[in-house]
């Protein structure tokens, strides 16, 4: 379908006269008639009743509404394209979320709104197998990274100063235990970190997920001055990792969003329980360099704050943004 013919049809329906419409379109009456006939043939319907007076058919009236919308959309697209072409385009590269958790939901909604409000910024996600957030930032492959931590404030402060980085807390959530329903922990009224100290904990050894593993190690070291019993597995995907549940003695530590995911809920005889311990919380951060030059990062953070305020169904057990007491 030619856009030119759509516009010609709109003009013709205004005058309902081929000669007058052709004059206003600066074309000949035979040429206009040919274009309208071709349009009808393409649609497979009669748009006009041709007689002493030109009239719209029911199909012609219905098509006119859509034709007007198509014309306006085309004009808007041309305007937007020319505006973008006349501006300098900035690229903003964000580390691809490595797990479907609450931060992923917030980030995806933020990027959707950000792209709509900032057409001159080209956003994209990036991941590289085996590379950690800080490495990707230092190598300039990304502008915004993601990481998690179990309130190891000293570690955050140390990395911030050493690497010249900013940790921007987004959400802080309680940790959950995912386990076989026959596990001894499930029968307990409350589960604490002490209960988990000698229980095998399944974790992925894939380097991309180092932040979660190190966060759990730091959590037990700071809270109990002891190392947990981690069982690590090398998996190409988190799906494979969570399917590794043959050891009925072992448990997984996950966020509320992961505990409620369809992936975990599909597995029979498995249950999740919140750890009843104020120390067992995990904080998700956006991470970027202190010397960043792109104003788009400021706009992204502003958008994220508005998304958290209005577009996210909040977990009553979680804290968000300024509610998080990081001590930084």
Protein backbone atom coordinates (compact mmCIF):
# COMPACT_ATOMS: atom_id res chain seq x y z
CA UNK A 1 0.00 0.00 0.00
CA UNK A 2 1.41 3.35 -1.03
CA UNK A 3 1.29 6.10 1.59
CA UNK A 4 0.72 8.57 -1.24
CA UNK A 5 -2.51 6.79 -2.18
CA UNK A 6 -3.67 6.79 1.45
CA UNK A 7 -3.23 10.58 1.60
CA UNK A 8 -4.95 11.01 -1.76
CA UNK A 9 -7.89 9.01 -0.46
CA UNK A 10 -8.16 11.26 2.61
CA UNK A 11 -8.22 14.38 0.43
CA UNK A 12 -10.76 12.83 -1.95
CA UNK A 13 -13.14 11.97 0.92
CA UNK A 14 -12.96 15.60 2.03
CA UNK A 15 -14.12 17.01 -1.35
CA UNK A 16 -16.00 13.95 -2.66
CA UNK A 17 -15.11 15.18 -6.13
CA UNK A 18 -12.27 13.76 -8.24
CA UNK A 19 -11.65 16.97 -10.19
CA UNK A 20 -11.50 19.25 -7.13
CA UNK A 21 -9.40 16.77 -5.15
CA UNK A 22 -6.97 16.30 -8.03
CA UNK A 23 -6.53 20.07 -8.34
CA UNK A 24 -5.71 20.35 -4.64
CA UNK A 25 -3.28 17.43 -4.90
CA UNK A 26 -1.62 19.00 -7.97
CA UNK A 27 -2.24 15.91 -10.05
CA UNK A 28 -4.57 14.95 -12.90
CA UNK A 29 -8.06 13.58 -12.39
CA UNK A 30 -7.28 10.34 -14.35
CA UNK A 31 -4.14 9.78 -12.28
CA UNK A 32 -6.06 10.20 -9.01
CA UNK A 33 -8.82 7.87 -10.22
CA UNK A 34 -6.22 5.23 -11.12
CA UNK A 35 -4.58 5.44 -7.68
CA UNK A 36 -7.89 5.11 -5.82
CA UNK A 37 -8.90 2.15 -7.99
CA UNK A 38 -5.57 0.44 -7.30
CA UNK A 39 -6.11 1.06 -3.57
CA UNK A 40 -9.56 -0.57 -3.73
CA UNK A 41 -8.16 -3.53 -5.65
CA UNK A 42 -5.41 -3.99 -3.10
CA UNK A 43 -7.90 -3.86 -0.20
CA UNK A 44 -10.39 -6.04 -2.06
CA UNK A 45 -13.30 -3.74 -1.23
CA UNK A 46 -15.21 -0.86 -2.81
CA UNK A 47 -14.44 2.35 -0.92
CA UNK A 48 -16.64 4.68 -2.98
CA UNK A 49 -20.04 4.61 -4.64
CA UNK A 50 -19.55 6.24 -8.02
CA UNK A 51 -22.65 7.93 -9.41
CA UNK A 52 -23.97 11.44 -9.89
CA UNK A 53 -22.57 12.06 -6.44
CA UNK A 54 -19.54 10.42 -4.94
CA UNK A 55 -20.34 8.66 -1.65
CA UNK A 56 -18.37 6.57 0.81
CA UNK A 57 -19.34 2.96 1.34
CA UNK A 58 -19.47 1.54 4.87
CA UNK A 59 -16.04 -0.01 4.24
CA UNK A 60 -14.80 3.31 2.88
CA UNK A 61 -15.90 5.13 6.04
CA UNK A 62 -14.20 2.54 8.25
CA UNK A 63 -10.99 2.70 6.20
CA UNK A 64 -10.97 6.50 6.37
CA UNK A 65 -10.56 6.41 10.15
CA UNK A 66 -7.56 4.12 9.85
CA UNK A 67 -6.15 6.06 6.91
CA UNK A 68 -6.12 9.29 8.94
CA UNK A 69 -4.27 7.50 11.78
CA UNK A 70 -1.77 6.02 9.32
CA UNK A 71 -1.14 9.44 7.82
CA UNK A 72 -0.59 11.08 11.22
CA UNK A 73 1.69 8.24 12.35
CA UNK A 74 3.73 8.63 9.19
CA UNK A 75 4.06 12.39 9.68
CA UNK A 76 5.09 11.87 13.32
CA UNK A 77 7.61 9.22 12.29
CA UNK A 78 9.15 11.54 9.69
CA UNK A 79 9.36 14.40 12.20
CA UNK A 80 10.91 12.21 14.89
CA UNK A 81 13.40 10.65 12.46
CA UNK A 82 14.56 14.04 11.21
CA UNK A 83 14.88 15.38 14.76
CA UNK A 84 16.98 12.40 15.78
CA UNK A 85 19.15 12.73 12.68
CA UNK A 86 19.84 16.36 13.54
CA UNK A 87 21.02 15.53 17.09
CA UNK A 88 24.13 13.83 18.35
CA UNK A 89 23.25 10.27 19.35
CA UNK A 90 24.60 9.05 22.70
CA UNK A 91 25.02 5.35 23.48
CA UNK A 92 24.26 4.05 26.96
CA UNK A 93 25.31 0.45 27.57
CA UNK A 94 23.87 -1.39 30.56
CA UNK A 95 25.00 -4.74 31.87
CA UNK A 96 22.40 -7.36 30.99
CA UNK A 97 20.55 -8.58 34.10
CA UNK A 98 21.81 -12.05 34.96
CA UNK A 99 18.70 -13.28 36.75
CA UNK A 100 15.01 -12.51 36.70
CA UNK A 101 14.67 -10.82 40.06
CA UNK A 102 13.11 -7.62 41.37
CA UNK A 103 16.01 -5.47 40.11
CA UNK A 104 15.54 -6.89 36.61
CA UNK A 105 11.87 -5.88 36.62
CA UNK A 106 12.71 -2.37 37.82
CA UNK A 107 15.51 -2.01 35.28
CA UNK A 108 13.49 -3.24 32.31
CA UNK A 109 10.59 -0.89 33.11
CA UNK A 110 13.08 1.95 33.59
CA UNK A 111 14.74 1.35 30.22
CA UNK A 112 11.38 1.19 28.41
CA UNK A 113 10.31 4.55 29.83
CA UNK A 114 13.80 6.03 29.41
CA UNK A 115 13.91 5.11 25.70
CA UNK A 116 10.50 6.68 25.16
CA UNK A 117 11.50 9.91 26.90
CA UNK A 118 15.06 10.11 25.51
CA UNK A 119 14.96 9.29 21.77
CA UNK A 120 18.48 10.64 21.25
CA UNK A 121 20.02 8.02 23.56
CA UNK A 122 20.61 4.56 22.13
CA UNK A 123 20.35 2.07 24.99
CA UNK A 124 21.56 -1.49 24.79
CA UNK A 125 22.28 -4.42 27.09
CA UNK A 126 25.66 -6.13 27.12
CA UNK A 127 27.08 -9.24 28.73
CA UNK A 128 30.31 -11.13 28.29
CA UNK A 129 30.77 -14.65 29.54
CA UNK A 130 33.11 -14.85 32.50
CA UNK A 131 33.37 -11.09 32.95
CA UNK A 132 32.36 -9.38 36.19
CA UNK A 133 30.68 -6.01 36.57
CA UNK A 134 33.74 -4.07 37.69
CA UNK A 135 35.86 -5.49 34.88
CA UNK A 136 33.33 -4.47 32.24
CA UNK A 137 33.15 -0.95 33.71
CA UNK A 138 36.93 -0.58 33.85
CA UNK A 139 37.29 -1.78 30.25
CA UNK A 140 34.68 0.75 29.11
CA UNK A 141 32.40 -1.95 27.69
CA UNK A 142 29.44 -0.81 29.78
CA UNK A 143 28.30 2.44 31.39
CA UNK A 144 26.06 0.94 34.08
CA UNK A 145 26.71 -2.34 35.88
CA UNK A 146 24.69 -4.48 38.27
CA UNK A 147 25.83 -6.15 41.46
CA UNK A 148 24.50 -7.53 44.73
CA UNK A 149 25.81 -7.61 48.27
CA UNK A 150 24.68 -8.78 51.71
CA UNK A 151 25.43 -5.49 53.48
CA UNK A 152 29.21 -5.74 53.40
CA UNK A 153 29.57 -1.98 53.79
CA UNK A 154 33.32 -2.17 54.37
CA UNK A 155 33.78 -4.05 51.09
CA UNK A 156 31.62 -1.56 49.20
CA UNK A 157 33.54 1.38 50.65
CA UNK A 158 36.86 -0.26 49.82
CA UNK A 159 35.91 -1.02 46.22
CA UNK A 160 34.35 2.44 45.79
CA UNK A 161 37.59 4.16 46.82
CA UNK A 162 39.98 1.78 45.09
CA UNK A 163 38.12 1.56 41.79
CA UNK A 164 36.57 5.06 41.81
CA UNK A 165 33.05 3.65 41.58
CA UNK A 166 29.59 4.65 42.79
CA UNK A 167 27.25 2.02 44.30
CA UNK A 168 23.64 3.10 43.83
CA UNK A 169 21.32 0.95 46.01
CA UNK A 170 18.00 0.11 44.36
CA UNK A 171 16.34 -2.60 46.43
CA UNK A 172 17.09 -4.48 49.64
CA UNK A 173 15.28 -7.77 50.21
CA UNK A 174 15.22 -10.61 52.73
CA UNK A 175 16.90 -13.86 51.68
CA UNK A 176 14.85 -17.01 51.21
CA UNK A 177 15.78 -20.68 51.50
CA UNK A 178 14.60 -22.94 48.67
CA UNK A 179 14.72 -26.61 49.65
CA UNK A 180 13.06 -30.02 49.56
CA UNK A 181 9.85 -30.01 51.57
CA UNK A 182 11.19 -32.91 53.62
CA UNK A 183 14.32 -30.99 54.64
CA UNK A 184 14.82 -30.70 58.42
CA UNK A 185 14.90 -26.89 58.13
CA UNK A 186 11.35 -26.82 56.80
CA UNK A 187 10.03 -28.20 60.09
CA UNK A 188 11.60 -25.38 62.12
CA UNK A 189 9.42 -22.50 63.29
CA UNK A 190 12.19 -20.06 62.43
CA UNK A 191 15.27 -20.33 60.23
CA UNK A 192 18.37 -18.34 61.18
CA UNK A 193 21.87 -18.03 59.76
CA UNK A 194 23.11 -20.34 62.50
CA UNK A 195 20.74 -23.04 61.21
CA UNK A 196 22.29 -22.70 57.76
CA UNK A 197 25.92 -22.74 58.85
CA UNK A 198 26.54 -26.47 58.32
CA UNK A 199 23.87 -27.10 55.70
CA UNK A 200 25.21 -27.57 52.14
CA UNK A 201 24.29 -24.46 50.10
CA UNK A 202 24.14 -24.83 46.32
CA UNK A 203 25.70 -21.97 44.37
CA UNK A 204 26.88 -21.52 40.82
CA UNK A 205 30.63 -21.26 40.27
CA UNK A 206 30.20 -19.43 36.97
CA UNK A 207 32.32 -16.29 37.19
CA UNK A 208 29.55 -13.99 36.04
CA UNK A 209 27.66 -14.80 39.25
CA UNK A 210 30.60 -14.13 41.58
CA UNK A 211 28.83 -11.17 43.29
CA UNK A 212 26.11 -13.40 44.75
CA UNK A 213 28.58 -16.07 45.89
CA UNK A 214 30.93 -13.53 47.48
CA UNK A 215 27.96 -11.78 49.10
CA UNK A 216 26.89 -15.01 50.80
CA UNK A 217 30.44 -15.72 51.94
CA UNK A 218 30.74 -12.22 53.40
CA UNK A 219 27.35 -12.55 55.09
CA UNK A 220 28.41 -15.60 57.10
CA UNK A 221 31.89 -14.26 57.75
CA UNK A 222 30.63 -10.96 59.15
CA UNK A 223 27.65 -12.39 61.04
CA UNK A 224 29.15 -15.60 62.42
CA UNK A 225 32.87 -15.31 61.66
CA UNK A 226 32.63 -18.65 59.89
CA UNK A 227 32.55 -19.94 56.33
CA UNK A 228 29.35 -21.61 55.04
CA UNK A 229 29.35 -25.00 53.38
CA UNK A 230 29.04 -23.98 49.74
CA UNK A 231 28.56 -26.55 47.00
CA UNK A 232 29.49 -24.88 43.71
CA UNK A 233 28.52 -26.03 40.24
CA UNK A 234 29.61 -24.76 36.83
CA UNK A 235 26.53 -24.22 34.68
CA UNK A 236 26.02 -22.35 31.43
CA UNK A 237 22.60 -21.14 32.54
CA UNK A 238 20.67 -20.51 35.73
CA UNK A 239 18.02 -22.95 34.52
CA UNK A 240 20.58 -25.75 34.68
CA UNK A 241 21.75 -24.53 38.07
CA UNK A 242 18.31 -24.56 39.67
CA UNK A 243 17.58 -27.99 38.21
CA UNK A 244 20.53 -29.37 40.17
CA UNK A 245 18.48 -30.44 43.19
CA UNK A 246 19.34 -34.12 43.60
CA UNK A 247 21.15 -33.53 46.90
CA UNK A 248 18.24 -33.40 49.33
CA UNK A 249 20.51 -32.16 52.11
CA UNK A 250 21.40 -29.01 50.19
CA UNK A 251 19.48 -25.74 49.89
CA UNK A 252 19.53 -22.65 47.67
CA UNK A 253 19.61 -19.04 48.88
CA UNK A 254 17.45 -16.81 46.68
CA UNK A 255 15.64 -13.47 46.62
CA UNK A 256 11.82 -13.28 47.05
CA UNK A 257 11.30 -12.71 43.32
CA UNK A 258 13.34 -15.79 42.43
CA UNK A 259 11.59 -17.83 45.14
CA UNK A 260 8.24 -16.95 43.53
CA UNK A 261 9.37 -17.49 39.93
CA UNK A 262 7.56 -19.98 37.69
CA UNK A 263 10.83 -21.84 37.16
CA UNK A 264 11.15 -22.76 40.82
CA UNK A 265 7.44 -23.29 41.40
CA UNK A 266 7.30 -25.87 38.60
CA UNK A 267 9.57 -28.23 40.54
CA UNK A 268 7.64 -30.62 42.70
CA UNK A 269 8.42 -31.29 46.36
CA UNK A 270 10.34 -28.00 46.64
CA UNK A 271 9.37 -25.13 48.95
CA UNK A 272 10.75 -21.71 49.90
CA UNK A 273 10.95 -20.14 53.34
CA UNK A 274 12.12 -16.73 54.42
CA UNK A 275 15.17 -16.65 56.68
CA UNK A 276 13.91 -15.18 59.98
CA UNK A 277 17.08 -13.22 60.60
CA UNK A 278 17.53 -9.45 60.18
CA UNK A 279 21.09 -10.06 59.03
CA UNK A 280 19.97 -12.17 56.06
CA UNK A 281 19.21 -9.45 53.52
CA UNK A 282 20.56 -8.83 50.04
CA UNK A 283 20.93 -5.43 48.38
CA UNK A 284 20.94 -4.91 44.60
CA UNK A 285 22.96 -2.00 43.21
CA UNK A 286 23.53 -0.13 40.01
CA UNK A 287 27.21 0.54 39.63
CA UNK A 288 29.00 3.21 37.58
CA UNK A 289 32.24 5.15 37.49
CA UNK A 290 32.57 8.30 39.60
CA UNK A 291 34.02 10.18 36.62
CA UNK A 292 31.20 9.36 34.20
CA UNK A 293 30.63 12.03 31.56
CA UNK A 294 27.30 11.00 30.09
CA UNK A 295 24.32 13.03 31.27
CA UNK A 296 22.19 10.10 30.14
CA UNK A 297 23.18 8.28 33.34
CA UNK A 298 21.61 11.06 35.42
CA UNK A 299 18.46 10.86 33.30
CA UNK A 300 18.38 7.07 33.70
CA UNK A 301 18.56 7.35 37.50
CA UNK A 302 15.82 9.97 37.51
CA UNK A 303 13.65 7.66 35.41
CA UNK A 304 14.39 4.74 37.73
CA UNK A 305 13.25 6.74 40.76
CA UNK A 306 9.95 7.56 39.04
CA UNK A 307 9.47 3.93 38.02
CA UNK A 308 10.00 2.72 41.59
CA UNK A 309 7.58 5.37 42.80
CA UNK A 310 4.73 4.55 40.42
CA UNK A 311 5.28 1.48 38.22
CA UNK A 312 6.46 -1.24 40.59
CA UNK A 313 4.37 -3.47 42.84
CA UNK A 314 6.42 -3.16 45.99
CA UNK A 315 7.26 -6.01 48.32
CA UNK A 316 6.27 -4.86 51.84
CA UNK A 317 9.31 -6.70 53.22
CA UNK A 318 11.73 -4.85 50.94
CA UNK A 319 13.29 -1.40 51.04
CA UNK A 320 13.83 0.83 48.01
CA UNK A 321 16.32 3.57 47.07
CA UNK A 322 16.52 6.17 49.86
CA UNK A 323 14.86 3.76 52.31
CA UNK A 324 18.00 1.63 52.26
CA UNK A 325 20.43 2.50 55.06
CA UNK A 326 23.75 1.70 53.38
CA UNK A 327 26.04 3.64 55.69
CA UNK A 328 27.94 4.95 52.68
